[in-house]
C-alpha cells in the first residue's frame, strides 16, 4: 500500500501543485484548504505524514497541530511556513512538528524532507506494531487502524465517539472533568452545551460497556468521568 500524505494548504495553486507532484511520486493524497475541514479529514483515517500550512482560515496550522498532538504523538508533521515567521517555526517545533520548510520552496527539497521524515518515523516494525495498541482490561484500541475490540468483539464507533474513547483511554485511571474533555475532543472554541459530553459518554457506554462486560467508564459525581477497571 502506498504511503499516505494529508496536504493542508489554503492557496489553491500550491495545493494543486503539491497534489500533482506527490501523486506522481506514488503517494496517496488527502487534502483540505482550511483548519476545520483538515481536522475532519485527519480524523477520518490514519495518515503517514501531514503537510501543514501555518496560515489557514478557520483555525491556524499551529492550533491544528496542537489539537492533533493531544492524542497523536506519532504522525509526522512538516510545517509550511512564511519566510519571516520564526515564531511560528519555534511554536510548531515545540508542539511536536517534525520539520518545517519555508515558502517559496523547491519541490525537490520538499520531497527530500518528506522521504527523510518517513524514513525516521519508526524505530522498528515490531515496536511500531506494539505502539499501535492501547489497552485497558479486555478493551483494545488500534490507533493506526482505528479498530476497537472488547474481548473478541469488534466495536464500531463514529469519528467523534472514537476521539472521546481514545482520550479517555489515553488518560485511563485519571478523573477528567467536562471542560478537559470538551477542549481535548471538541476544541477550545466549542461554544455548545457541555451536556454534549454526557450525551457522547452514553453513546460509547452502550457500545463499550455492554451487558456481561465489566463497566470501564465510570461517573465521578460532581466532577466528570474516569476510565478504569471495575473493582
C-alpha atoms as a PDB file:
ATOM      1  CA  UNK A   1       0.000   0.000   0.000  1.00  0.00           C
ATOM      2  CA  UNK A   2       1.285   3.479  -0.898  1.00  0.00           C
ATOM      3  CA  UNK A   3       2.175   5.848   1.902  1.00  0.00           C
ATOM      4  CA  UNK A   4      -0.494   8.469   2.540  1.00  0.00           C
ATOM      5  CA  UNK A   5       0.000  12.218   2.916  1.00  0.00           C
ATOM      6  CA  UNK A   6      -2.570  14.769   4.045  1.00  0.00           C
ATOM      7  CA  UNK A   7      -1.972  18.212   2.472  1.00  0.00           C
ATOM      8  CA  UNK A   8      -3.421  21.162   4.385  1.00  0.00           C
ATOM      9  CA  UNK A   9      -2.967  24.339   2.335  1.00  0.00           C
ATOM     10  CA  UNK A  10      -5.353  27.230   1.584  1.00  0.00           C
ATOM     11  CA  UNK A  11      -3.589  28.556  -1.533  1.00  0.00           C
ATOM     12  CA  UNK A  12      -5.268  26.709  -4.380  1.00  0.00           C
ATOM     13  CA  UNK A  13      -2.290  26.789  -6.768  1.00  0.00           C
ATOM     14  CA  UNK A  14       0.125  25.444  -4.145  1.00  0.00           C
ATOM     15  CA  UNK A  15      -2.360  22.785  -3.054  1.00  0.00           C
ATOM     16  CA  UNK A  16      -2.835  21.609  -6.637  1.00  0.00           C
ATOM     17  CA  UNK A  17       0.915  21.633  -7.320  1.00  0.00           C
ATOM     18  CA  UNK A  18       1.627  19.554  -4.228  1.00  0.00           C
ATOM     19  CA  UNK A  19      -1.173  17.134  -5.076  1.00  0.00           C
ATOM     20  CA  UNK A  20       0.155  16.580  -8.621  1.00  0.00           C
ATOM     21  CA  UNK A  21       3.803  16.203  -7.567  1.00  0.00           C
ATOM     22  CA  UNK A  22       3.101  13.855  -4.661  1.00  0.00           C
ATOM     23  CA  UNK A  23       0.715  11.672  -6.636  1.00  0.00           C
ATOM     24  CA  UNK A  24       3.395  11.439  -9.349  1.00  0.00           C
ATOM     25  CA  UNK A  25       5.804  10.214  -6.665  1.00  0.00           C
ATOM     26  CA  UNK A  26       3.341   7.461  -5.767  1.00  0.00           C
ATOM     27  CA  UNK A  27       1.835   8.840  -2.565  1.00  0.00           C
ATOM     28  CA  UNK A  28      -1.844   8.532  -1.698  1.00  0.00           C
ATOM     29  CA  UNK A  29      -3.187  12.050  -1.146  1.00  0.00           C
ATOM     30  CA  UNK A  30      -5.815  13.694   1.033  1.00  0.00           C
ATOM     31  CA  UNK A  31      -6.332  17.434   1.090  1.00  0.00           C
ATOM     32  CA  UNK A  32      -8.037  20.294   2.900  1.00  0.00           C
ATOM     33  CA  UNK A  33      -7.918  24.064   2.431  1.00  0.00           C
ATOM     34  CA  UNK A  34      -8.866  25.176   5.962  1.00  0.00           C
ATOM     35  CA  UNK A  35      -8.175  24.082   9.505  1.00  0.00           C
ATOM     36  CA  UNK A  36     -11.635  22.823  10.445  1.00  0.00           C
ATOM     37  CA  UNK A  37     -12.014  20.653   7.338  1.00  0.00           C
ATOM     38  CA  UNK A  38      -8.464  19.406   7.841  1.00  0.00           C
ATOM     39  CA  UNK A  39      -9.322  18.216  11.353  1.00  0.00           C
ATOM     40  CA  UNK A  40     -12.227  16.154   9.996  1.00  0.00           C
ATOM     41  CA  UNK A  41     -10.117  14.679   7.176  1.00  0.00           C
ATOM     42  CA  UNK A  42      -7.320  13.877   9.653  1.00  0.00           C
ATOM     43  CA  UNK A  43      -9.776  12.036  11.918  1.00  0.00           C
ATOM     44  CA  UNK A  44     -11.285  10.067   9.030  1.00  0.00           C
ATOM     45  CA  UNK A  45      -8.341   7.650   8.736  1.00  0.00           C
ATOM     46  CA  UNK A  46      -4.661   7.191   9.698  1.00  0.00           C
ATOM     47  CA  UNK A  47      -2.084   9.219   7.732  1.00  0.00           C
ATOM     48  CA  UNK A  48       1.603   8.509   7.247  1.00  0.00           C
ATOM     49  CA  UNK A  49       2.503  12.216   7.104  1.00  0.00           C
ATOM     50  CA  UNK A  50       0.837  15.645   7.209  1.00  0.00           C
ATOM     51  CA  UNK A  51       1.986  18.706   5.244  1.00  0.00           C
ATOM     52  CA  UNK A  52       0.576  21.603   7.234  1.00  0.00           C
ATOM     53  CA  UNK A  53       0.457  25.255   6.225  1.00  0.00           C
ATOM     54  CA  UNK A  54       0.698  27.565   9.239  1.00  0.00           C
ATOM     55  CA  UNK A  55      -1.568  30.333   7.901  1.00  0.00           C
ATOM     56  CA  UNK A  56      -5.041  28.823   7.473  1.00  0.00           C
ATOM     57  CA  UNK A  57      -8.623  30.081   7.627  1.00  0.00           C
ATOM     58  CA  UNK A  58     -10.850  28.629  10.338  1.00  0.00           C
ATOM     59  CA  UNK A  59      -8.166  27.607  12.787  1.00  0.00           C
ATOM     60  CA  UNK A  60      -4.443  28.174  12.292  1.00  0.00           C
ATOM     61  CA  UNK A  61      -1.982  25.444  11.438  1.00  0.00           C
ATOM     62  CA  UNK A  62      -0.368  25.846  14.854  1.00  0.00           C
ATOM     63  CA  UNK A  63      -3.704  25.329  16.613  1.00  0.00           C
ATOM     64  CA  UNK A  64      -4.475  22.358  14.374  1.00  0.00           C
ATOM     65  CA  UNK A  65      -1.102  20.841  15.261  1.00  0.00           C
ATOM     66  CA  UNK A  66      -1.836  21.351  18.963  1.00  0.00           C
ATOM     67  CA  UNK A  67      -5.142  19.507  18.642  1.00  0.00           C
ATOM     68  CA  UNK A  68      -3.547  16.651  16.712  1.00  0.00           C
ATOM     69  CA  UNK A  69      -0.821  16.223  19.312  1.00  0.00           C
ATOM     70  CA  UNK A  70      -3.335  15.925  22.178  1.00  0.00           C
ATOM     71  CA  UNK A  71      -3.935  12.288  21.202  1.00  0.00           C
ATOM     72  CA  UNK A  72      -1.405  11.604  18.452  1.00  0.00           C
ATOM     73  CA  UNK A  73       2.317  11.895  19.093  1.00  0.00           C
ATOM     74  CA  UNK A  74       3.348   9.682  16.182  1.00  0.00           C
ATOM     75  CA  UNK A  75       2.033  11.016  12.868  1.00  0.00           C
ATOM     76  CA  UNK A  76       4.864  13.082  11.293  1.00  0.00           C
ATOM     77  CA  UNK A  77       4.046  16.731  10.539  1.00  0.00           C
ATOM     78  CA  UNK A  78       6.022  19.044   8.252  1.00  0.00           C
ATOM     79  CA  UNK A  79       5.078  22.721   8.545  1.00  0.00           C
ATOM     80  CA  UNK A  80       4.879  25.031   5.536  1.00  0.00           C
ATOM     81  CA  UNK A  81       5.806  28.484   6.885  1.00  0.00           C
ATOM     82  CA  UNK A  82       6.329  32.029   5.644  1.00  0.00           C
ATOM     83  CA  UNK A  83       9.950  33.106   5.283  1.00  0.00           C
ATOM     84  CA  UNK A  84       9.892  35.521   8.233  1.00  0.00           C
ATOM     85  CA  UNK A  85       7.691  33.546  10.645  1.00  0.00           C
ATOM     86  CA  UNK A  86      10.366  32.494  13.162  1.00  0.00           C
ATOM     87  CA  UNK A  87       7.808  32.473  15.959  1.00  0.00           C
ATOM     88  CA  UNK A  88       5.584  30.022  14.060  1.00  0.00           C
ATOM     89  CA  UNK A  89       8.545  27.730  13.409  1.00  0.00           C
ATOM     90  CA  UNK A  90       9.521  27.711  17.084  1.00  0.00           C
ATOM     91  CA  UNK A  91       5.925  27.210  18.252  1.00  0.00           C
ATOM     92  CA  UNK A  92       5.423  24.400  15.760  1.00  0.00           C
ATOM     93  CA  UNK A  93       8.565  22.555  16.759  1.00  0.00           C
ATOM     94  CA  UNK A  94       7.715  22.985  20.449  1.00  0.00           C
ATOM     95  CA  UNK A  95       4.273  21.472  19.797  1.00  0.00           C
ATOM     96  CA  UNK A  96       5.774  18.433  18.093  1.00  0.00           C
ATOM     97  CA  UNK A  97       6.248  19.258  14.418  1.00  0.00           C
ATOM     98  CA  UNK A  98       8.931  17.040  12.890  1.00  0.00           C
ATOM     99  CA  UNK A  99      10.272  19.556  10.379  1.00  0.00           C
ATOM    100  CA  UNK A 100       9.444  22.758   8.530  1.00  0.00           C
ATOM    101  CA  UNK A 101      10.125  24.276   5.136  1.00  0.00           C
ATOM    102  CA  UNK A 102       9.747  27.937   4.219  1.00  0.00           C
ATOM    103  CA  UNK A 103       7.832  29.338   1.256  1.00  0.00           C
ATOM    104  CA  UNK A 104       8.690  29.647  -1.546  1.00  0.00           C
ATOM    105  CA  UNK A 105      10.351  26.239  -1.645  1.00  0.00           C
ATOM    106  CA  UNK A 106      11.817  23.965  -4.301  1.00  0.00           C
ATOM    107  CA  UNK A 107       9.684  20.862  -4.764  1.00  0.00           C
ATOM    108  CA  UNK A 108      12.828  18.680  -4.839  1.00  0.00           C
ATOM    109  CA  UNK A 109      13.788  19.878  -1.346  1.00  0.00           C
ATOM    110  CA  UNK A 110      10.287  19.223  -0.016  1.00  0.00           C
ATOM    111  CA  UNK A 111      10.263  15.715  -1.499  1.00  0.00           C
ATOM    112  CA  UNK A 112      13.633  15.021   0.128  1.00  0.00           C
ATOM    113  CA  UNK A 113      12.342  16.211   3.509  1.00  0.00           C
ATOM    114  CA  UNK A 114       9.247  14.037   3.152  1.00  0.00           C
ATOM    115  CA  UNK A 115      11.361  10.957   2.357  1.00  0.00           C
ATOM    116  CA  UNK A 116      13.659  11.650   5.308  1.00  0.00           C
ATOM    117  CA  UNK A 117      10.766  12.180   7.715  1.00  0.00           C
ATOM    118  CA  UNK A 118       9.017   8.992   6.614  1.00  0.00           C
ATOM    119  CA  UNK A 119      12.257   7.015   7.000  1.00  0.00           C
ATOM    120  CA  UNK A 120      12.743   8.255  10.553  1.00  0.00           C
ATOM    121  CA  UNK A 121       9.197   7.884  11.855  1.00  0.00           C
ATOM    122  CA  UNK A 122       9.646   4.444  13.483  1.00  0.00           C
ATOM    123  CA  UNK A 123      12.450   2.546  15.162  1.00  0.00           C
ATOM    124  CA  UNK A 124      11.392  -0.951  14.184  1.00  0.00           C
ATOM    125  CA  UNK A 125       8.309  -2.714  12.787  1.00  0.00           C
ATOM    126  CA  UNK A 126       7.827  -4.727  15.979  1.00  0.00           C
ATOM    127  CA  UNK A 127       7.928  -1.630  18.166  1.00  0.00           C
ATOM    128  CA  UNK A 128       5.510   0.159  15.813  1.00  0.00           C
ATOM    129  CA  UNK A 129       3.053  -2.744  15.998  1.00  0.00           C
ATOM    130  CA  UNK A 130       3.162  -2.713  19.800  1.00  0.00           C
ATOM    131  CA  UNK A 131       2.708   1.046  19.956  1.00  0.00           C
ATOM    132  CA  UNK A 132      -0.385   0.910  17.745  1.00  0.00           C
ATOM    133  CA  UNK A 133      -2.430  -0.734  20.537  1.00  0.00           C
ATOM    134  CA  UNK A 134      -3.732   0.845  23.718  1.00  0.00           C
ATOM    135  CA  UNK A 135      -5.372  -1.492  26.208  1.00  0.00           C
ATOM    136  CA  UNK A 136      -7.382  -1.469  29.416  1.00  0.00           C
ATOM    137  CA  UNK A 137      -8.640  -4.780  30.761  1.00  0.00           C
ATOM    138  CA  UNK A 138     -10.180  -6.543  27.721  1.00  0.00           C
ATOM    139  CA  UNK A 139     -10.631  -3.303  25.739  1.00  0.00           C
ATOM    140  CA  UNK A 140      -8.088  -2.750  22.954  1.00  0.00           C
ATOM    141  CA  UNK A 141      -7.816   0.146  20.508  1.00  0.00           C
ATOM    142  CA  UNK A 142      -5.519   0.137  17.489  1.00  0.00           C
ATOM    143  CA  UNK A 143      -4.679   3.773  16.733  1.00  0.00           C
ATOM    144  CA  UNK A 144      -3.278   3.200  13.284  1.00  0.00           C
ATOM    145  CA  UNK A 145      -6.169   1.079  12.038  1.00  0.00           C
ATOM    146  CA  UNK A 146      -8.776   2.792  14.264  1.00  0.00           C
ATOM    147  CA  UNK A 147     -10.017  -0.649  15.325  1.00  0.00           C
ATOM    148  CA  UNK A 148     -11.703  -1.288  18.677  1.00  0.00           C
ATOM    149  CA  UNK A 149     -12.200  -4.635  20.384  1.00  0.00           C
ATOM    150  CA  UNK A 150     -13.982  -5.522  23.610  1.00  0.00           C
ATOM    151  CA  UNK A 151     -12.744  -9.021  24.205  1.00  0.00           C
ATOM    152  CA  UNK A 152     -13.090 -10.700  20.813  1.00  0.00           C
ATOM    153  CA  UNK A 153     -15.992  -8.469  19.745  1.00  0.00           C
ATOM    154  CA  UNK A 154     -15.153  -5.658  17.305  1.00  0.00           C
ATOM    155  CA  UNK A 155     -16.870  -2.363  18.131  1.00  0.00           C
ATOM    156  CA  UNK A 156     -17.859   0.308  15.604  1.00  0.00           C
ATOM    157  CA  UNK A 157     -17.767   3.976  16.683  1.00  0.00           C
ATOM    158  CA  UNK A 158     -18.366   7.255  14.888  1.00  0.00           C
ATOM    159  CA  UNK A 159     -15.280   9.523  14.480  1.00  0.00           C
ATOM    160  CA  UNK A 160     -16.313  11.701  17.442  1.00  0.00           C
ATOM    161  CA  UNK A 161     -17.088   8.699  19.629  1.00  0.00           C
ATOM    162  CA  UNK A 162     -13.695   7.260  18.714  1.00  0.00           C
ATOM    163  CA  UNK A 163     -11.899  10.507  19.663  1.00  0.00           C
ATOM    164  CA  UNK A 164     -13.687  10.579  23.006  1.00  0.00           C
ATOM    165  CA  UNK A 165     -12.927   6.937  23.783  1.00  0.00           C
ATOM    166  CA  UNK A 166      -9.281   7.364  22.783  1.00  0.00           C
ATOM    167  CA  UNK A 167      -8.894  10.423  25.008  1.00  0.00           C
ATOM    168  CA  UNK A 168     -10.406   8.603  27.989  1.00  0.00           C
ATOM    169  CA  UNK A 169      -8.261   5.551  27.329  1.00  0.00           C
ATOM    170  CA  UNK A 170      -5.037   7.541  26.980  1.00  0.00           C
ATOM    171  CA  UNK A 171      -5.850   9.140  30.318  1.00  0.00           C
ATOM    172  CA  UNK A 172      -7.061   5.940  31.980  1.00  0.00           C
ATOM    173  CA  UNK A 173      -7.358   5.947  35.783  1.00  0.00           C
ATOM    174  CA  UNK A 174      -7.398   9.769  35.742  1.00  0.00           C
ATOM    175  CA  UNK A 175     -10.551  11.668  36.654  1.00  0.00           C
ATOM    176  CA  UNK A 176     -11.349  14.092  33.820  1.00  0.00           C
ATOM    177  CA  UNK A 177     -13.813  16.952  34.141  1.00  0.00           C
ATOM    178  CA  UNK A 178     -16.151  18.004  31.345  1.00  0.00           C
ATOM    179  CA  UNK A 179     -14.123  21.079  30.423  1.00  0.00           C
ATOM    180  CA  UNK A 180     -10.978  18.976  29.935  1.00  0.00           C
ATOM    181  CA  UNK A 181     -12.876  16.544  27.743  1.00  0.00           C
ATOM    182  CA  UNK A 182     -14.530  19.320  25.716  1.00  0.00           C
ATOM    183  CA  UNK A 183     -11.231  21.045  24.964  1.00  0.00           C
ATOM    184  CA  UNK A 184      -9.433  17.827  24.023  1.00  0.00           C
ATOM    185  CA  UNK A 185     -12.177  16.290  21.881  1.00  0.00           C
ATOM    186  CA  UNK A 186     -14.266  19.217  20.613  1.00  0.00           C
ATOM    187  CA  UNK A 187     -11.670  22.019  20.786  1.00  0.00           C
ATOM    188  CA  UNK A 188     -11.356  25.079  22.984  1.00  0.00           C
ATOM    189  CA  UNK A 189     -13.523  27.175  20.635  1.00  0.00           C
ATOM    190  CA  UNK A 190     -16.574  24.898  21.026  1.00  0.00           C
ATOM    191  CA  UNK A 191     -19.464  27.034  22.277  1.00  0.00           C
ATOM    192  CA  UNK A 192     -22.199  24.414  22.554  1.00  0.00           C
ATOM    193  CA  UNK A 193     -23.738  22.880  25.639  1.00  0.00           C
ATOM    194  CA  UNK A 194     -21.329  20.980  27.901  1.00  0.00           C
ATOM    195  CA  UNK A 195     -24.028  18.303  28.118  1.00  0.00           C
ATOM    196  CA  UNK A 196     -22.674  17.066  24.781  1.00  0.00           C
ATOM    197  CA  UNK A 197     -20.019  15.233  26.824  1.00  0.00           C
ATOM    198  CA  UNK A 198     -22.673  13.362  28.807  1.00  0.00           C
ATOM    199  CA  UNK A 199     -24.570  12.520  25.605  1.00  0.00           C
ATOM    200  CA  UNK A 200     -21.492  11.042  23.918  1.00  0.00           C
ATOM    201  CA  UNK A 201     -20.474   9.191  27.068  1.00  0.00           C
ATOM    202  CA  UNK A 202     -23.873   7.477  26.923  1.00  0.00           C
ATOM    203  CA  UNK A 203     -23.304   6.647  23.257  1.00  0.00           C
ATOM    204  CA  UNK A 204     -19.975   4.923  23.803  1.00  0.00           C
ATOM    205  CA  UNK A 205     -21.129   3.222  27.012  1.00  0.00           C
ATOM    206  CA  UNK A 206     -23.835   1.460  25.021  1.00  0.00           C
ATOM    207  CA  UNK A 207     -21.173   0.145  22.655  1.00  0.00           C
ATOM    208  CA  UNK A 208     -18.292  -0.486  25.093  1.00  0.00           C
ATOM    209  CA  UNK A 209     -19.864  -1.278  28.491  1.00  0.00           C
ATOM    210  CA  UNK A 210     -22.277  -3.875  27.182  1.00  0.00           C
ATOM    211  CA  UNK A 211     -24.204  -6.417  29.303  1.00  0.00           C
ATOM    212  CA  UNK A 212     -21.992  -9.256  30.527  1.00  0.00           C
ATOM    213  CA  UNK A 213     -18.922  -6.975  30.393  1.00  0.00           C
ATOM    214  CA  UNK A 214     -17.469  -5.173  33.406  1.00  0.00           C
ATOM    215  CA  UNK A 215     -18.022  -1.400  33.049  1.00  0.00           C
ATOM    216  CA  UNK A 216     -14.897   0.598  32.251  1.00  0.00           C
ATOM    217  CA  UNK A 217     -16.325   4.148  32.008  1.00  0.00           C
ATOM    218  CA  UNK A 218     -17.258   5.458  35.452  1.00  0.00           C
ATOM    219  CA  UNK A 219     -19.035   8.651  36.513  1.00  0.00           C
ATOM    220  CA  UNK A 220     -17.429  10.715  39.263  1.00  0.00           C
ATOM    221  CA  UNK A 221     -20.333  12.719  40.626  1.00  0.00           C
ATOM    222  CA  UNK A 222     -19.858  16.468  40.543  1.00  0.00           C
ATOM    223  CA  UNK A 223     -16.607  16.144  38.570  1.00  0.00           C
ATOM    224  CA  UNK A 224     -16.698  14.137  35.376  1.00  0.00           C
ATOM    225  CA  UNK A 225     -15.576  10.694  34.219  1.00  0.00           C
ATOM    226  CA  UNK A 226     -12.779   8.184  34.610  1.00  0.00           C
ATOM    227  CA  UNK A 227     -11.892   5.096  32.594  1.00  0.00           C
ATOM    228  CA  UNK A 228     -10.608   2.284  34.800  1.00  0.00           C
ATOM    229  CA  UNK A 229     -11.111  -1.351  35.643  1.00  0.00           C
ATOM    230  CA  UNK A 230     -14.121  -2.176  37.812  1.00  0.00           C
ATOM    231  CA  UNK A 231     -13.264  -3.001  41.415  1.00  0.00           C
END
